[in-house]
Amino acid sequence: MRNDLEKRVQELEDILAIQHLKHAYLNACDAKDVPAMIETFVISDCKIDYGPVGSFTNRDDLAKVFQEIACHDYMLESHHAHNPIIKIIDANHATGHWSLAYNLINTENSSITTLQGEYHDVYQKIDNQWLIKETTFSGRSSLNLQIDEELLKVIFAGSP
């Protein structure tokens, strides 16, 4: 009985640690904190597929693209992950599925973008720390609006 209880408690601790990891990643993206963002990934041999944004096999390449396209004061972003389904495979491996609600207010071109989609992740525990080994994002819906002086104009609404 004791071993079973210890195993169940460890699994709950691992799930909570993975949730904190994902939240740290999203908060770093919102803060445009590149070093904190890449620290959530394994150092090398990872698989990152963000569709139109790009695919990467290491965190440094992701950091370069993130710096170029997202790290601007005029881009006010908000990433909200919810509905996590995390499965612990063994002591060092897990998978996760998350829904994402993303909002961007672009003050340079006076636009608003909302995006909903799903993350499918693979996690690996290295030196007693959970990290993202693989992640794929698939968009489900998007809404792009143009802000004019007196109205909002829908530029696009639908599946990306």
N, C-alpha and C. Protein backbone atom coordinates (compact mmCIF):
# COMPACT_ATOMS: atom_id res chain seq x y z
N MET A 1 0.82 -1.20 0.00
CA MET A 1 0.00 0.00 0.00
C MET A 1 0.86 1.26 0.00
N ARG A 2 1.94 1.26 0.80
CA ARG A 2 2.79 2.44 0.91
C ARG A 2 3.43 2.78 -0.43
N ASN A 3 3.94 1.79 -1.14
CA ASN A 3 4.56 2.05 -2.43
C ASN A 3 3.57 2.62 -3.43
N ASP A 4 2.34 2.11 -3.39
CA ASP A 4 1.30 2.62 -4.28
C ASP A 4 1.00 4.08 -3.96
N LEU A 5 0.91 4.43 -2.69
CA LEU A 5 0.64 5.81 -2.28
C LEU A 5 1.80 6.71 -2.69
N GLU A 6 3.02 6.27 -2.47
CA GLU A 6 4.19 7.05 -2.87
C GLU A 6 4.20 7.28 -4.38
N LYS A 7 3.86 6.25 -5.12
CA LYS A 7 3.82 6.37 -6.58
C LYS A 7 2.76 7.38 -7.02
N ARG A 8 1.58 7.32 -6.40
CA ARG A 8 0.50 8.24 -6.76
C ARG A 8 0.85 9.68 -6.38
N VAL A 9 1.48 9.88 -5.23
CA VAL A 9 1.90 11.23 -4.83
C VAL A 9 2.96 11.75 -5.79
N GLN A 10 3.91 10.90 -6.16
CA GLN A 10 4.95 11.32 -7.10
C GLN A 10 4.34 11.71 -8.44
N GLU A 11 3.36 10.96 -8.90
CA GLU A 11 2.71 11.28 -10.17
C GLU A 11 2.00 12.64 -10.08
N LEU A 12 1.34 12.91 -8.97
CA LEU A 12 0.69 14.21 -8.80
C LEU A 12 1.72 15.34 -8.75
N GLU A 13 2.84 15.11 -8.09
CA GLU A 13 3.91 16.12 -8.05
C GLU A 13 4.48 16.36 -9.45
N ASP A 14 4.63 15.30 -10.22
CA ASP A 14 5.14 15.44 -11.59
C ASP A 14 4.15 16.21 -12.46
N ILE A 15 2.87 15.90 -12.34
CA ILE A 15 1.86 16.63 -13.12
C ILE A 15 1.88 18.11 -12.77
N LEU A 16 1.96 18.42 -11.49
CA LEU A 16 2.02 19.83 -11.07
C LEU A 16 3.28 20.51 -11.59
N ALA A 17 4.41 19.81 -11.56
CA ALA A 17 5.66 20.38 -12.07
C ALA A 17 5.56 20.65 -13.57
N ILE A 18 4.91 19.77 -14.32
CA ILE A 18 4.73 19.97 -15.76
C ILE A 18 3.79 21.15 -16.01
N GLN A 19 2.75 21.28 -15.22
CA GLN A 19 1.87 22.45 -15.37
C GLN A 19 2.65 23.74 -15.11
N HIS A 20 3.47 23.75 -14.08
CA HIS A 20 4.30 24.93 -13.79
C HIS A 20 5.27 25.21 -14.94
N LEU A 21 5.82 24.16 -15.52
CA LEU A 21 6.72 24.31 -16.67
C LEU A 21 6.01 25.00 -17.83
N LYS A 22 4.82 24.53 -18.17
CA LYS A 22 4.08 25.13 -19.29
C LYS A 22 3.72 26.58 -18.98
N HIS A 23 3.31 26.84 -17.75
CA HIS A 23 2.99 28.22 -17.37
C HIS A 23 4.24 29.11 -17.42
N ALA A 24 5.39 28.58 -17.01
CA ALA A 24 6.64 29.35 -17.10
C ALA A 24 6.96 29.69 -18.55
N TYR A 25 6.76 28.73 -19.45
CA TYR A 25 6.98 28.97 -20.88
C TYR A 25 6.07 30.08 -21.40
N LEU A 26 4.78 29.98 -21.11
CA LEU A 26 3.83 30.97 -21.62
C LEU A 26 4.06 32.35 -21.00
N ASN A 27 4.36 32.40 -19.71
CA ASN A 27 4.65 33.68 -19.06
C ASN A 27 5.90 34.31 -19.64
N ALA A 28 6.91 33.50 -19.94
CA ALA A 28 8.13 34.03 -20.56
C ALA A 28 7.84 34.58 -21.95
N CYS A 29 6.97 33.90 -22.70
CA CYS A 29 6.58 34.41 -24.02
C CYS A 29 5.90 35.77 -23.89
N ASP A 30 4.97 35.90 -22.95
CA ASP A 30 4.27 37.17 -22.76
C ASP A 30 5.23 38.28 -22.33
N ALA A 31 6.20 37.94 -21.49
CA ALA A 31 7.17 38.92 -21.00
C ALA A 31 8.29 39.18 -22.00
N LYS A 32 8.31 38.40 -23.08
CA LYS A 32 9.36 38.48 -24.09
C LYS A 32 10.75 38.24 -23.47
N ASP A 33 10.77 37.30 -22.56
CA ASP A 33 11.98 36.91 -21.83
C ASP A 33 12.56 35.68 -22.52
N VAL A 34 13.41 35.92 -23.51
CA VAL A 34 13.94 34.83 -24.33
C VAL A 34 14.72 33.80 -23.50
N PRO A 35 15.65 34.22 -22.62
CA PRO A 35 16.37 33.21 -21.83
C PRO A 35 15.44 32.33 -20.99
N ALA A 36 14.44 32.92 -20.35
CA ALA A 36 13.50 32.12 -19.55
C ALA A 36 12.68 31.19 -20.44
N MET A 37 12.32 31.66 -21.63
CA MET A 37 11.51 30.85 -22.55
C MET A 37 12.29 29.61 -22.99
N ILE A 38 13.55 29.78 -23.40
CA ILE A 38 14.28 28.62 -23.92
C ILE A 38 14.70 27.66 -22.81
N GLU A 39 14.76 28.13 -21.57
CA GLU A 39 15.12 27.25 -20.46
C GLU A 39 14.06 26.19 -20.19
N THR A 40 12.88 26.33 -20.78
CA THR A 40 11.82 25.34 -20.59
C THR A 40 11.97 24.14 -21.53
N PHE A 41 12.91 24.23 -22.47
CA PHE A 41 13.14 23.17 -23.45
C PHE A 41 14.43 22.42 -23.15
N VAL A 42 14.50 21.16 -23.60
CA VAL A 42 15.76 20.43 -23.54
C VAL A 42 16.78 21.19 -24.39
N ILE A 43 18.05 21.03 -24.07
CA ILE A 43 19.08 21.83 -24.73
C ILE A 43 19.19 21.52 -26.22
N SER A 44 19.17 20.25 -26.58
CA SER A 44 19.29 19.89 -27.99
C SER A 44 18.39 18.69 -28.29
N ASP A 45 18.33 18.36 -29.56
CA ASP A 45 17.55 17.20 -29.99
C ASP A 45 16.09 17.28 -29.56
N CYS A 46 15.52 18.47 -29.77
CA CYS A 46 14.10 18.61 -29.48
C CYS A 46 13.34 18.76 -30.80
N LYS A 47 12.04 18.65 -30.71
CA LYS A 47 11.19 18.80 -31.89
C LYS A 47 10.15 19.86 -31.56
N ILE A 48 10.22 20.98 -32.26
CA ILE A 48 9.29 22.09 -32.05
C ILE A 48 8.63 22.37 -33.39
N ASP A 49 7.32 22.23 -33.46
CA ASP A 49 6.58 22.48 -34.70
C ASP A 49 5.46 23.47 -34.41
N TYR A 50 5.69 24.71 -34.81
CA TYR A 50 4.69 25.76 -34.63
C TYR A 50 4.06 26.16 -35.95
N GLY A 51 3.92 25.20 -36.85
CA GLY A 51 3.22 25.44 -38.11
C GLY A 51 3.84 26.57 -38.91
N PRO A 52 3.05 27.59 -39.26
CA PRO A 52 3.55 28.69 -40.10
C PRO A 52 4.70 29.48 -39.46
N VAL A 53 4.81 29.43 -38.14
CA VAL A 53 5.91 30.14 -37.46
C VAL A 53 7.23 29.43 -37.72
N GLY A 54 7.20 28.10 -37.82
CA GLY A 54 8.41 27.36 -38.12
C GLY A 54 8.53 26.07 -37.33
N SER A 55 9.47 25.24 -37.77
CA SER A 55 9.82 23.99 -37.08
C SER A 55 11.29 24.06 -36.72
N PHE A 56 11.63 23.53 -35.54
CA PHE A 56 12.98 23.67 -35.02
C PHE A 56 13.41 22.37 -34.36
N THR A 57 14.72 22.09 -34.39
CA THR A 57 15.26 20.90 -33.74
C THR A 57 16.13 21.26 -32.55
N ASN A 58 16.23 22.56 -32.24
CA ASN A 58 16.93 22.98 -31.03
C ASN A 58 16.35 24.31 -30.55
N ARG A 59 16.49 24.55 -29.28
CA ARG A 59 15.86 25.72 -28.67
C ARG A 59 16.49 27.04 -29.11
N ASP A 60 17.76 27.03 -29.49
CA ASP A 60 18.41 28.27 -29.91
C ASP A 60 17.82 28.81 -31.21
N ASP A 61 17.47 27.92 -32.14
CA ASP A 61 16.84 28.36 -33.39
C ASP A 61 15.46 28.95 -33.11
N LEU A 62 14.72 28.35 -32.18
CA LEU A 62 13.43 28.92 -31.78
C LEU A 62 13.64 30.30 -31.18
N ALA A 63 14.65 30.45 -30.34
CA ALA A 63 14.92 31.74 -29.69
C ALA A 63 15.19 32.83 -30.71
N LYS A 64 15.93 32.51 -31.77
CA LYS A 64 16.23 33.51 -32.81
C LYS A 64 14.95 33.98 -33.49
N VAL A 65 14.10 33.06 -33.88
CA VAL A 65 12.85 33.43 -34.55
C VAL A 65 11.94 34.18 -33.59
N PHE A 66 11.85 33.73 -32.36
CA PHE A 66 11.02 34.41 -31.36
C PHE A 66 11.50 35.85 -31.17
N GLN A 67 12.80 36.03 -31.08
CA GLN A 67 13.37 37.38 -30.92
C GLN A 67 12.99 38.27 -32.11
N GLU A 68 13.07 37.72 -33.31
CA GLU A 68 12.78 38.50 -34.52
C GLU A 68 11.31 38.87 -34.66
N ILE A 69 10.41 37.93 -34.40
CA ILE A 69 9.01 38.21 -34.72
C ILE A 69 8.17 38.65 -33.52
N ALA A 70 8.58 38.33 -32.30
CA ALA A 70 7.70 38.60 -31.17
C ALA A 70 8.21 39.63 -30.17
N CYS A 71 9.49 39.86 -30.14
CA CYS A 71 10.05 40.72 -29.10
C CYS A 71 10.06 42.19 -29.51
N HIS A 72 8.86 42.75 -29.58
CA HIS A 72 8.68 44.16 -29.93
C HIS A 72 7.72 44.78 -28.92
N ASP A 73 8.01 46.01 -28.52
CA ASP A 73 7.16 46.70 -27.54
C ASP A 73 5.74 46.91 -28.04
N TYR A 74 5.56 46.97 -29.34
CA TYR A 74 4.23 47.23 -29.89
C TYR A 74 3.36 45.96 -29.96
N MET A 75 3.93 44.82 -29.62
CA MET A 75 3.18 43.56 -29.63
C MET A 75 2.83 43.18 -28.19
N LEU A 76 1.57 43.37 -27.84
CA LEU A 76 1.08 43.07 -26.50
C LEU A 76 0.38 41.72 -26.55
N GLU A 77 1.05 40.71 -26.02
CA GLU A 77 0.57 39.33 -26.16
C GLU A 77 0.08 38.74 -24.85
N SER A 78 -0.81 37.79 -24.98
CA SER A 78 -1.35 37.07 -23.84
C SER A 78 -1.61 35.63 -24.25
N HIS A 79 -0.87 34.71 -23.65
CA HIS A 79 -1.03 33.28 -23.90
C HIS A 79 -1.71 32.65 -22.68
N HIS A 80 -2.82 31.96 -22.89
CA HIS A 80 -3.52 31.29 -21.79
C HIS A 80 -3.75 29.83 -22.16
N ALA A 81 -3.04 28.94 -21.48
CA ALA A 81 -3.23 27.50 -21.69
C ALA A 81 -4.20 26.98 -20.64
N HIS A 82 -5.06 26.08 -21.07
CA HIS A 82 -6.06 25.52 -20.17
C HIS A 82 -6.42 24.11 -20.61
N ASN A 83 -7.25 23.46 -19.81
CA ASN A 83 -7.72 22.10 -20.07
C ASN A 83 -6.57 21.10 -20.26
N PRO A 84 -5.57 21.11 -19.36
CA PRO A 84 -4.45 20.18 -19.55
C PRO A 84 -4.85 18.73 -19.33
N ILE A 85 -4.32 17.88 -20.18
CA ILE A 85 -4.40 16.43 -19.99
C ILE A 85 -2.96 15.93 -20.01
N ILE A 86 -2.45 15.61 -18.84
CA ILE A 86 -1.05 15.22 -18.70
C ILE A 86 -1.01 13.75 -18.28
N LYS A 87 -0.21 12.98 -19.01
CA LYS A 87 -0.06 11.55 -18.71
C LYS A 87 1.41 11.27 -18.39
N ILE A 88 1.65 10.72 -17.23
CA ILE A 88 2.99 10.32 -16.84
C ILE A 88 3.24 8.92 -17.41
N ILE A 89 4.24 8.82 -18.26
CA ILE A 89 4.57 7.53 -18.90
C ILE A 89 5.43 6.69 -17.96
N ASP A 90 6.49 7.31 -17.44
CA ASP A 90 7.36 6.68 -16.45
C ASP A 90 8.03 7.80 -15.66
N ALA A 91 9.03 7.47 -14.88
CA ALA A 91 9.65 8.46 -13.99
C ALA A 91 10.27 9.65 -14.73
N ASN A 92 10.59 9.48 -16.02
CA ASN A 92 11.28 10.54 -16.75
C ASN A 92 10.61 10.96 -18.04
N HIS A 93 9.42 10.47 -18.32
CA HIS A 93 8.74 10.79 -19.58
C HIS A 93 7.25 11.02 -19.34
N ALA A 94 6.71 12.01 -20.06
CA ALA A 94 5.29 12.32 -19.94
C ALA A 94 4.81 12.96 -21.23
N THR A 95 3.50 12.99 -21.42
CA THR A 95 2.90 13.68 -22.55
C THR A 95 1.87 14.67 -22.02
N GLY A 96 1.57 15.66 -22.84
CA GLY A 96 0.57 16.63 -22.44
C GLY A 96 -0.20 17.17 -23.63
N HIS A 97 -1.46 17.47 -23.38
CA HIS A 97 -2.32 18.12 -24.37
C HIS A 97 -2.91 19.34 -23.67
N TRP A 98 -2.81 20.50 -24.32
CA TRP A 98 -3.30 21.76 -23.77
C TRP A 98 -4.10 22.50 -24.82
N SER A 99 -5.12 23.20 -24.38
CA SER A 99 -5.80 24.16 -25.25
C SER A 99 -5.16 25.53 -25.01
N LEU A 100 -5.10 26.34 -26.05
CA LEU A 100 -4.50 27.68 -25.94
C LEU A 100 -5.48 28.72 -26.43
N ALA A 101 -5.57 29.80 -25.67
CA ALA A 101 -6.26 31.02 -26.11
C ALA A 101 -5.20 32.11 -26.15
N TYR A 102 -4.96 32.66 -27.33
CA TYR A 102 -3.90 33.65 -27.54
C TYR A 102 -4.52 34.95 -28.03
N ASN A 103 -4.05 36.04 -27.47
CA ASN A 103 -4.49 37.37 -27.90
C ASN A 103 -3.28 38.24 -28.18
N LEU A 104 -3.36 39.00 -29.25
CA LEU A 104 -2.30 39.94 -29.62
C LEU A 104 -2.95 41.28 -29.96
N ILE A 105 -2.49 42.32 -29.30
CA ILE A 105 -2.82 43.68 -29.69
C ILE A 105 -1.55 44.27 -30.27
N ASN A 106 -1.60 44.63 -31.54
CA ASN A 106 -0.45 45.20 -32.23
C ASN A 106 -0.70 46.70 -32.36
N THR A 107 0.04 47.48 -31.57
CA THR A 107 -0.16 48.93 -31.58
C THR A 107 0.52 49.61 -32.76
N GLU A 108 1.42 48.90 -33.43
CA GLU A 108 2.08 49.48 -34.60
C GLU A 108 1.12 49.54 -35.79
N ASN A 109 0.39 48.47 -36.03
CA ASN A 109 -0.52 48.47 -37.18
C ASN A 109 -2.00 48.48 -36.77
N SER A 110 -2.26 48.76 -35.50
CA SER A 110 -3.63 48.88 -34.98
C SER A 110 -4.48 47.65 -35.32
N SER A 111 -4.00 46.50 -34.89
CA SER A 111 -4.75 45.27 -35.16
C SER A 111 -4.87 44.43 -33.89
N ILE A 112 -5.83 43.54 -33.93
CA ILE A 112 -6.05 42.58 -32.85
C ILE A 112 -6.15 41.20 -33.48
N THR A 113 -5.46 40.24 -32.89
CA THR A 113 -5.53 38.86 -33.35
C THR A 113 -5.87 37.98 -32.16
N THR A 114 -6.83 37.10 -32.34
CA THR A 114 -7.09 36.05 -31.36
C THR A 114 -6.90 34.71 -32.08
N LEU A 115 -6.37 33.76 -31.36
CA LEU A 115 -6.10 32.45 -31.93
C LEU A 115 -6.41 31.40 -30.86
N GLN A 116 -7.10 30.37 -31.27
CA GLN A 116 -7.34 29.23 -30.39
C GLN A 116 -6.73 28.01 -31.06
N GLY A 117 -6.14 27.16 -30.23
CA GLY A 117 -5.53 25.96 -30.78
C GLY A 117 -5.14 24.99 -29.70
N GLU A 118 -4.31 24.03 -30.09
CA GLU A 118 -3.92 22.94 -29.20
C GLU A 118 -2.42 22.69 -29.26
N TYR A 119 -1.86 22.47 -28.09
CA TYR A 119 -0.48 22.00 -27.96
C TYR A 119 -0.51 20.50 -27.68
N HIS A 120 0.38 19.77 -28.34
CA HIS A 120 0.65 18.37 -28.02
C HIS A 120 2.13 18.31 -27.66
N ASP A 121 2.41 17.98 -26.41
CA ASP A 121 3.78 18.04 -25.90
C ASP A 121 4.28 16.67 -25.46
N VAL A 122 5.61 16.53 -25.49
CA VAL A 122 6.31 15.41 -24.87
C VAL A 122 7.30 16.03 -23.91
N TYR A 123 7.32 15.52 -22.68
CA TYR A 123 8.19 16.06 -21.64
C TYR A 123 9.22 15.01 -21.23
N GLN A 124 10.38 15.51 -20.82
CA GLN A 124 11.43 14.63 -20.33
C GLN A 124 12.00 15.23 -19.05
N LYS A 125 12.19 14.37 -18.06
CA LYS A 125 12.80 14.82 -16.81
C LYS A 125 14.30 14.60 -16.91
N ILE A 126 15.06 15.67 -16.75
CA ILE A 126 16.52 15.62 -16.81
C ILE A 126 17.05 16.28 -15.54
N ASP A 127 17.92 15.58 -14.82
CA ASP A 127 18.45 16.10 -13.55
C ASP A 127 17.32 16.57 -12.63
N ASN A 128 16.30 15.75 -12.54
CA ASN A 128 15.14 15.98 -11.67
C ASN A 128 14.32 17.22 -12.04
N GLN A 129 14.41 17.66 -13.30
CA GLN A 129 13.64 18.81 -13.77
C GLN A 129 12.92 18.45 -15.06
N TRP A 130 11.60 18.68 -15.10
CA TRP A 130 10.83 18.44 -16.32
C TRP A 130 11.12 19.53 -17.33
N LEU A 131 11.31 19.12 -18.60
CA LEU A 131 11.55 20.03 -19.72
C LEU A 131 10.70 19.59 -20.91
N ILE A 132 10.49 20.51 -21.82
CA ILE A 132 9.75 20.20 -23.04
C ILE A 132 10.72 19.57 -24.04
N LYS A 133 10.43 18.37 -24.46
CA LYS A 133 11.24 17.64 -25.44
C LYS A 133 10.67 17.82 -26.84
N GLU A 134 9.34 17.78 -26.95
CA GLU A 134 8.66 17.96 -28.23
C GLU A 134 7.40 18.78 -27.99
N THR A 135 7.08 19.65 -28.95
CA THR A 135 5.82 20.38 -28.88
C THR A 135 5.34 20.67 -30.29
N THR A 136 4.06 20.49 -30.48
CA THR A 136 3.41 20.80 -31.75
C THR A 136 2.19 21.66 -31.44
N PHE A 137 2.05 22.76 -32.17
CA PHE A 137 0.87 23.60 -32.01
C PHE A 137 0.05 23.54 -33.28
N SER A 138 -1.25 23.31 -33.12
CA SER A 138 -2.18 23.31 -34.25
C SER A 138 -3.26 24.34 -33.97
N GLY A 139 -3.42 25.29 -34.88
CA GLY A 139 -4.46 26.30 -34.73
C GLY A 139 -5.82 25.73 -35.08
N ARG A 140 -6.84 26.15 -34.34
CA ARG A 140 -8.22 25.72 -34.61
C ARG A 140 -9.05 26.85 -35.17
N SER A 141 -8.87 28.05 -34.62
CA SER A 141 -9.63 29.19 -35.12
C SER A 141 -8.83 30.46 -34.89
N SER A 142 -9.12 31.45 -35.72
CA SER A 142 -8.42 32.72 -35.64
C SER A 142 -9.37 33.84 -36.00
N LEU A 143 -9.16 34.98 -35.37
CA LEU A 143 -9.92 36.18 -35.68
C LEU A 143 -8.95 37.34 -35.74
N ASN A 144 -8.90 38.00 -36.89
CA ASN A 144 -8.02 39.16 -37.07
C ASN A 144 -8.88 40.38 -37.30
N LEU A 145 -8.63 41.42 -36.51
CA LEU A 145 -9.41 42.65 -36.59
C LEU A 145 -8.49 43.84 -36.85
N GLN A 146 -8.98 44.78 -37.64
CA GLN A 146 -8.28 46.04 -37.87
C GLN A 146 -9.00 47.12 -37.07
N ILE A 147 -8.25 47.89 -36.31
CA ILE A 147 -8.83 48.96 -35.50
C ILE A 147 -8.78 50.25 -36.30
N ASP A 148 -9.95 50.81 -36.60
CA ASP A 148 -10.04 52.13 -37.22
C ASP A 148 -10.56 53.09 -36.16
N GLU A 149 -10.62 54.36 -36.51
CA GLU A 149 -11.02 55.36 -35.51
C GLU A 149 -12.37 55.07 -34.88
N GLU A 150 -13.34 54.62 -35.65
CA GLU A 150 -14.68 54.46 -35.12
C GLU A 150 -15.21 53.03 -35.18
N LEU A 151 -14.42 52.09 -35.67
CA LEU A 151 -14.95 50.74 -35.79
C LEU A 151 -13.83 49.71 -35.84
N LEU A 152 -14.24 48.46 -35.65
CA LEU A 152 -13.35 47.32 -35.85
C LEU A 152 -13.75 46.64 -37.14
N LYS A 153 -12.79 46.35 -37.98
CA LYS A 153 -13.06 45.69 -39.25
C LYS A 153 -12.51 44.26 -39.18
N VAL A 154 -13.36 43.30 -39.51
CA VAL A 154 -12.92 41.91 -39.52
C VAL A 154 -12.08 41.68 -40.77
N ILE A 155 -10.84 41.28 -40.57
CA ILE A 155 -9.93 40.97 -41.68
C ILE A 155 -10.03 39.49 -42.03
N PHE A 156 -10.13 38.66 -41.00
CA PHE A 156 -10.23 37.21 -41.21
C PHE A 156 -10.92 36.60 -40.00
N ALA A 157 -11.76 35.62 -40.24
CA ALA A 157 -12.37 34.84 -39.16
C ALA A 157 -12.54 33.42 -39.67
N GLY A 158 -11.98 32.44 -38.97
CA GLY A 158 -12.12 31.06 -39.39
C GLY A 158 -10.98 30.20 -38.93
N SER A 159 -10.81 29.10 -39.60
CA SER A 159 -9.74 28.16 -39.28
C SER A 159 -8.47 28.60 -40.00
N PRO A 160 -7.35 28.69 -39.26
CA PRO A 160 -6.09 29.16 -39.89
C PRO A 160 -5.60 28.25 -40.99
